[in-house]
Amino acid sequence: MPDPAGDPDQPEHPEQPVHPVHGRRPLSLAAVLGRAIDRSVDEQISRYVDMLTSAGVERGLIGPREAERLWERHILNCVVLEELIPHGAAVADVGSGAGLPGIVLALVRPDLRITLLEPLLRRATFLIEAIDVLGLGSAVEVVRARAEDYRRSKFAVVTARAVAPLDRLTALALPLLASGGSLLAVKGRRAQDELEEHRAALAALGAERLEIVTLGEGTLAEPTTVVVIRARVRRRVHR
């Protein structure tokens, strides 16, 4: 958001690079996360933003209008998810598209091991290129596959943003989750209505502890709404 005091061309924290989105000084990563951010991470995020607003738009992964509001509506909207993810977790980003939220999480949380699941070739190609440019190859894997066809491993967390209605998304995500794992579904203002509409179907699928979490309140202009769905704990049978 704009700096209300002082010269707008002189940022309050000059050590933080200014992201050229909106033509104004945006809210910083450090302000949103509530902790110091290494300059190299901020530079990587800037590089990723550049890729999204150039190649991402050219290839139809990001709409031209979305490019104008990319920082707050997309980057920061995804960044706040990190507080719901345990340290060192294995994460699958379903229908990763342009890498939102998967690549953003990889940049701000190098402790995570992230698999980007994306079935479409042009999107998967962009993800591979982005990972190479950003130097994320040791922490992030791109798998060109539909979520329902992936059976290689289980994850502590599955993330999804603008992928499918909640009942379909849950059916895709639960088989990917380890016992007691969590689906973090980024949703809009109708999250509560959608959850109530599909509550019975979600329970039948094996979902437990359904809740809605709002992230970034008091910081983001539009806080992020997340439906958190936990997979049923599978108890071992001792013989």
Protein backbone atom coordinates (compact mmCIF):
# COMPACT_ATOMS: atom_id res chain seq x y z
CA MET A 1 0.00 0.00 0.00
CA PRO A 2 1.22 3.58 -0.53
CA ASP A 3 3.54 5.13 2.03
CA PRO A 4 1.38 7.95 3.49
CA ALA A 5 4.33 9.98 4.75
CA GLY A 6 7.44 11.38 3.15
CA ASP A 7 8.70 11.32 -0.42
CA PRO A 8 7.21 8.30 -2.23
CA ASP A 9 10.41 8.01 -4.25
CA GLN A 10 12.42 7.50 -1.06
CA PRO A 11 11.27 4.23 0.55
CA GLU A 12 11.26 4.04 4.32
CA HIS A 13 13.35 0.84 4.20
CA PRO A 14 15.84 1.36 1.34
CA GLU A 15 17.43 -2.05 1.92
CA GLN A 16 14.26 -3.68 0.53
CA PRO A 17 14.05 -3.61 -3.30
CA VAL A 18 11.03 -1.81 -4.69
CA HIS A 19 8.89 -4.05 -6.87
CA PRO A 20 7.75 -2.22 -10.03
CA VAL A 21 4.13 -3.28 -9.74
CA HIS A 22 1.25 -0.77 -9.76
CA GLY A 23 3.78 2.05 -10.29
CA ARG A 24 3.92 2.60 -6.52
CA ARG A 25 5.73 1.32 -3.48
CA PRO A 26 3.99 -1.89 -2.42
CA LEU A 27 3.75 -3.51 0.96
CA SER A 28 7.01 -5.34 1.65
CA LEU A 29 7.44 -9.05 2.27
CA ALA A 30 8.94 -8.31 5.67
CA ALA A 31 5.88 -6.31 6.71
CA VAL A 32 3.53 -9.09 5.66
CA LEU A 33 5.52 -11.95 7.17
CA GLY A 34 6.44 -10.10 10.33
CA ARG A 35 10.08 -11.04 10.10
CA ALA A 36 13.25 -9.95 8.35
CA ILE A 37 13.67 -11.20 4.79
CA ASP A 38 17.06 -11.84 3.26
CA ARG A 39 17.76 -9.49 0.38
CA SER A 40 18.44 -12.43 -1.94
CA VAL A 41 14.92 -13.76 -1.32
CA ASP A 42 13.41 -10.39 -2.11
CA GLU A 43 15.46 -10.24 -5.31
CA GLN A 44 14.26 -13.72 -6.30
CA ILE A 45 10.66 -12.66 -5.77
CA SER A 46 11.29 -9.62 -7.98
CA ARG A 47 12.72 -11.88 -10.67
CA TYR A 48 9.67 -14.13 -10.45
CA VAL A 49 7.34 -11.13 -10.71
CA ASP A 50 9.23 -10.05 -13.84
CA MET A 51 8.72 -13.51 -15.36
CA LEU A 52 5.01 -13.46 -14.59
CA THR A 53 4.46 -10.00 -16.05
CA SER A 54 6.42 -10.82 -19.21
CA ALA A 55 6.45 -14.50 -20.22
CA GLY A 56 3.48 -15.26 -17.98
CA VAL A 57 1.30 -12.73 -19.77
CA GLU A 58 2.64 -13.59 -23.23
CA ARG A 59 1.80 -17.27 -22.74
CA GLY A 60 -1.64 -16.60 -21.30
CA LEU A 61 -0.83 -17.74 -17.75
CA ILE A 62 -1.55 -14.32 -16.28
CA GLY A 63 -4.14 -11.92 -17.65
CA PRO A 64 -2.91 -8.42 -18.59
CA ARG A 65 -5.21 -6.84 -16.00
CA GLU A 66 -3.93 -9.20 -13.31
CA ALA A 67 -0.35 -8.19 -14.11
CA GLU A 68 -1.19 -4.65 -12.99
CA ARG A 69 -2.19 -5.89 -9.52
CA LEU A 70 0.07 -8.92 -9.31
CA TRP A 71 1.96 -8.00 -6.16
CA GLU A 72 -0.85 -7.61 -3.63
CA ARG A 73 -3.56 -9.73 -5.22
CA HIS A 74 -1.37 -12.70 -6.11
CA ILE A 75 2.12 -12.68 -4.55
CA LEU A 76 1.19 -11.44 -1.08
CA ASN A 77 -2.07 -13.39 -1.23
CA CYS A 78 0.06 -16.55 -1.47
CA VAL A 79 2.91 -15.53 0.85
CA VAL A 80 0.71 -15.56 3.95
CA LEU A 81 -0.05 -19.27 3.49
CA GLU A 82 3.39 -20.07 4.87
CA GLU A 83 2.26 -19.64 8.47
CA LEU A 84 -0.04 -22.66 8.12
CA ILE A 85 2.73 -24.99 6.91
CA PRO A 86 4.95 -26.92 9.37
CA HIS A 87 8.72 -26.64 9.16
CA GLY A 88 10.29 -29.05 6.68
CA ALA A 89 6.96 -30.22 5.29
CA ALA A 90 6.52 -31.97 1.96
CA VAL A 91 4.02 -29.89 -0.02
CA ALA A 92 2.10 -30.59 -3.23
CA ASP A 93 0.72 -27.61 -5.14
CA VAL A 94 -2.19 -28.97 -7.18
CA GLY A 95 -2.96 -27.30 -10.50
CA SER A 96 0.06 -25.07 -9.95
CA GLY A 97 -0.47 -23.03 -13.13
CA ALA A 98 2.03 -20.18 -13.06
CA GLY A 99 3.39 -21.30 -9.67
CA LEU A 100 0.92 -19.60 -7.36
CA PRO A 101 1.26 -20.43 -4.53
CA GLY A 102 3.91 -23.15 -4.96
CA ILE A 103 6.85 -21.09 -6.23
CA VAL A 104 6.10 -18.21 -3.86
CA LEU A 105 6.17 -20.61 -0.90
CA ALA A 106 9.42 -22.15 -2.10
CA LEU A 107 11.04 -18.70 -2.22
CA VAL A 108 10.02 -17.59 1.28
CA ARG A 109 10.31 -21.05 2.89
CA PRO A 110 13.47 -22.83 1.71
CA ASP A 111 12.89 -25.52 4.36
CA LEU A 112 9.95 -26.91 2.38
CA ARG A 113 10.07 -29.65 -0.27
CA ILE A 114 7.55 -28.72 -2.92
CA THR A 115 6.07 -30.67 -5.83
CA LEU A 116 4.23 -28.64 -8.46
CA LEU A 117 1.53 -30.77 -10.08
CA GLU A 118 0.43 -29.31 -13.42
CA PRO A 119 -1.08 -31.30 -16.31
CA LEU A 120 -0.86 -28.68 -19.09
CA LEU A 121 2.36 -28.61 -21.12
CA ARG A 122 2.68 -24.84 -21.56
CA ARG A 123 2.20 -24.25 -17.85
CA ALA A 124 4.57 -27.05 -16.83
CA THR A 125 7.17 -25.66 -19.25
CA PHE A 126 6.90 -22.21 -17.66
CA LEU A 127 7.27 -23.73 -14.19
CA ILE A 128 10.42 -25.60 -15.20
CA GLU A 129 11.90 -22.42 -16.68
CA ALA A 130 11.02 -20.42 -13.57
CA ILE A 131 12.60 -22.96 -11.25
CA ASP A 132 15.78 -22.86 -13.34
CA VAL A 133 15.94 -19.05 -13.38
CA LEU A 134 15.25 -18.83 -9.64
CA GLY A 135 17.68 -21.60 -8.68
CA LEU A 136 15.04 -23.72 -6.96
CA GLY A 137 15.94 -27.05 -8.53
CA SER A 138 17.05 -28.68 -5.28
CA ALA A 139 13.82 -27.86 -3.43
CA VAL A 140 11.11 -27.89 -6.09
CA GLU A 141 10.02 -30.55 -8.57
CA VAL A 142 7.62 -30.08 -11.47
CA VAL A 143 5.47 -33.08 -12.32
CA ARG A 144 3.33 -32.88 -15.42
CA ALA A 145 0.37 -34.89 -14.21
CA ARG A 146 -3.20 -34.65 -13.04
CA ALA A 147 -3.58 -34.88 -9.28
CA GLU A 148 -5.78 -37.97 -9.57
CA ASP A 149 -3.05 -39.79 -11.52
CA TYR A 150 -0.20 -39.02 -9.12
CA ARG A 151 0.64 -41.86 -6.75
CA ARG A 152 4.37 -41.51 -6.19
CA SER A 153 4.34 -40.13 -2.63
CA LYS A 154 2.26 -38.62 0.16
CA PHE A 155 2.40 -35.04 1.41
CA ALA A 156 1.93 -33.29 4.74
CA VAL A 157 0.26 -30.37 2.96
CA VAL A 158 -1.57 -29.88 -0.32
CA THR A 159 -2.15 -26.33 -1.56
CA ALA A 160 -4.57 -25.20 -4.25
CA ARG A 161 -5.68 -21.83 -5.56
CA ALA A 162 -8.51 -21.32 -8.06
CA VAL A 163 -8.45 -24.98 -9.11
CA ALA A 164 -11.92 -26.49 -8.59
CA PRO A 165 -15.05 -26.39 -6.41
CA LEU A 166 -14.37 -27.53 -2.87
CA ASP A 167 -15.93 -30.99 -3.18
CA ARG A 168 -13.98 -31.84 -6.35
CA LEU A 169 -10.79 -30.34 -4.97
CA THR A 170 -11.05 -32.35 -1.77
CA ALA A 171 -11.60 -35.56 -3.74
CA LEU A 172 -8.39 -34.79 -5.66
CA ALA A 173 -6.34 -33.74 -2.65
CA LEU A 174 -7.14 -36.27 0.07
CA PRO A 175 -5.47 -39.23 -1.69
CA LEU A 176 -2.28 -37.14 -1.88
CA LEU A 177 -2.21 -36.42 1.84
CA ALA A 178 -0.40 -38.39 4.49
CA SER A 179 -2.40 -39.39 7.56
CA GLY A 180 -3.52 -36.22 9.34
CA GLY A 181 -2.24 -33.98 6.54
CA SER A 182 -3.90 -30.71 5.53
CA LEU A 183 -5.43 -29.28 2.38
CA LEU A 184 -5.06 -25.50 2.20
CA ALA A 185 -7.60 -24.28 -0.34
CA VAL A 186 -7.37 -20.57 -1.11
CA LYS A 187 -10.90 -19.35 -1.69
CA GLY A 188 -12.76 -16.06 -2.11
CA ARG A 189 -15.53 -14.34 -0.22
CA ARG A 190 -17.94 -17.25 -0.71
CA ALA A 191 -15.70 -19.65 1.21
CA GLN A 192 -18.15 -20.10 4.08
CA ASP A 193 -21.10 -20.70 1.75
CA GLU A 194 -19.08 -23.19 -0.29
CA LEU A 195 -17.96 -25.03 2.83
CA GLU A 196 -21.51 -25.34 4.13
CA GLU A 197 -22.77 -26.44 0.72
CA HIS A 198 -20.29 -29.30 0.53
CA ARG A 199 -19.83 -30.16 4.22
CA ALA A 200 -21.63 -33.52 4.03
CA ALA A 201 -19.79 -34.53 0.86
CA LEU A 202 -16.44 -33.60 2.41
CA ALA A 203 -17.13 -35.70 5.50
CA ALA A 204 -18.05 -38.65 3.29
CA LEU A 205 -14.71 -38.26 1.50
CA GLY A 206 -12.84 -38.58 4.81
CA ALA A 207 -12.24 -34.92 5.59
CA GLU A 208 -11.98 -33.85 9.22
CA ARG A 209 -11.65 -30.58 11.16
CA LEU A 210 -13.01 -28.29 8.48
CA GLU A 211 -12.32 -24.64 9.20
CA ILE A 212 -11.91 -21.27 7.54
CA VAL A 213 -8.81 -19.23 8.34
CA THR A 214 -8.29 -15.60 7.37
CA LEU A 215 -4.65 -14.57 6.89
CA GLY A 216 -3.15 -11.10 6.59
CA GLU A 217 -5.89 -9.24 8.46
CA GLY A 218 -4.72 -5.77 9.39
CA THR A 219 -1.90 -6.02 6.84
CA LEU A 220 -3.29 -6.95 3.43
CA ALA A 221 -5.90 -4.80 1.72
CA GLU A 222 -7.68 -8.04 0.83
CA PRO A 223 -6.89 -10.75 3.43
CA THR A 224 -6.46 -14.30 2.19
CA THR A 225 -9.27 -16.72 2.97
CA VAL A 226 -8.22 -20.35 3.31
CA VAL A 227 -10.39 -23.41 3.80
CA VAL A 228 -8.34 -25.84 5.87
CA ILE A 229 -9.35 -29.48 5.56
CA ARG A 230 -7.50 -32.17 7.48
CA ALA A 231 -7.31 -35.74 6.29
CA ARG A 232 -8.52 -38.43 8.64
CA VAL A 233 -5.79 -39.93 10.78
CA ARG A 234 -5.24 -43.49 9.65
CA ARG A 235 -4.51 -45.67 12.66
CA ARG A 236 -2.13 -48.57 12.34
CA VAL A 237 -3.47 -52.01 13.09
CA HIS A 238 -1.12 -53.95 15.35
CA ARG A 239 -1.13 -57.67 14.81
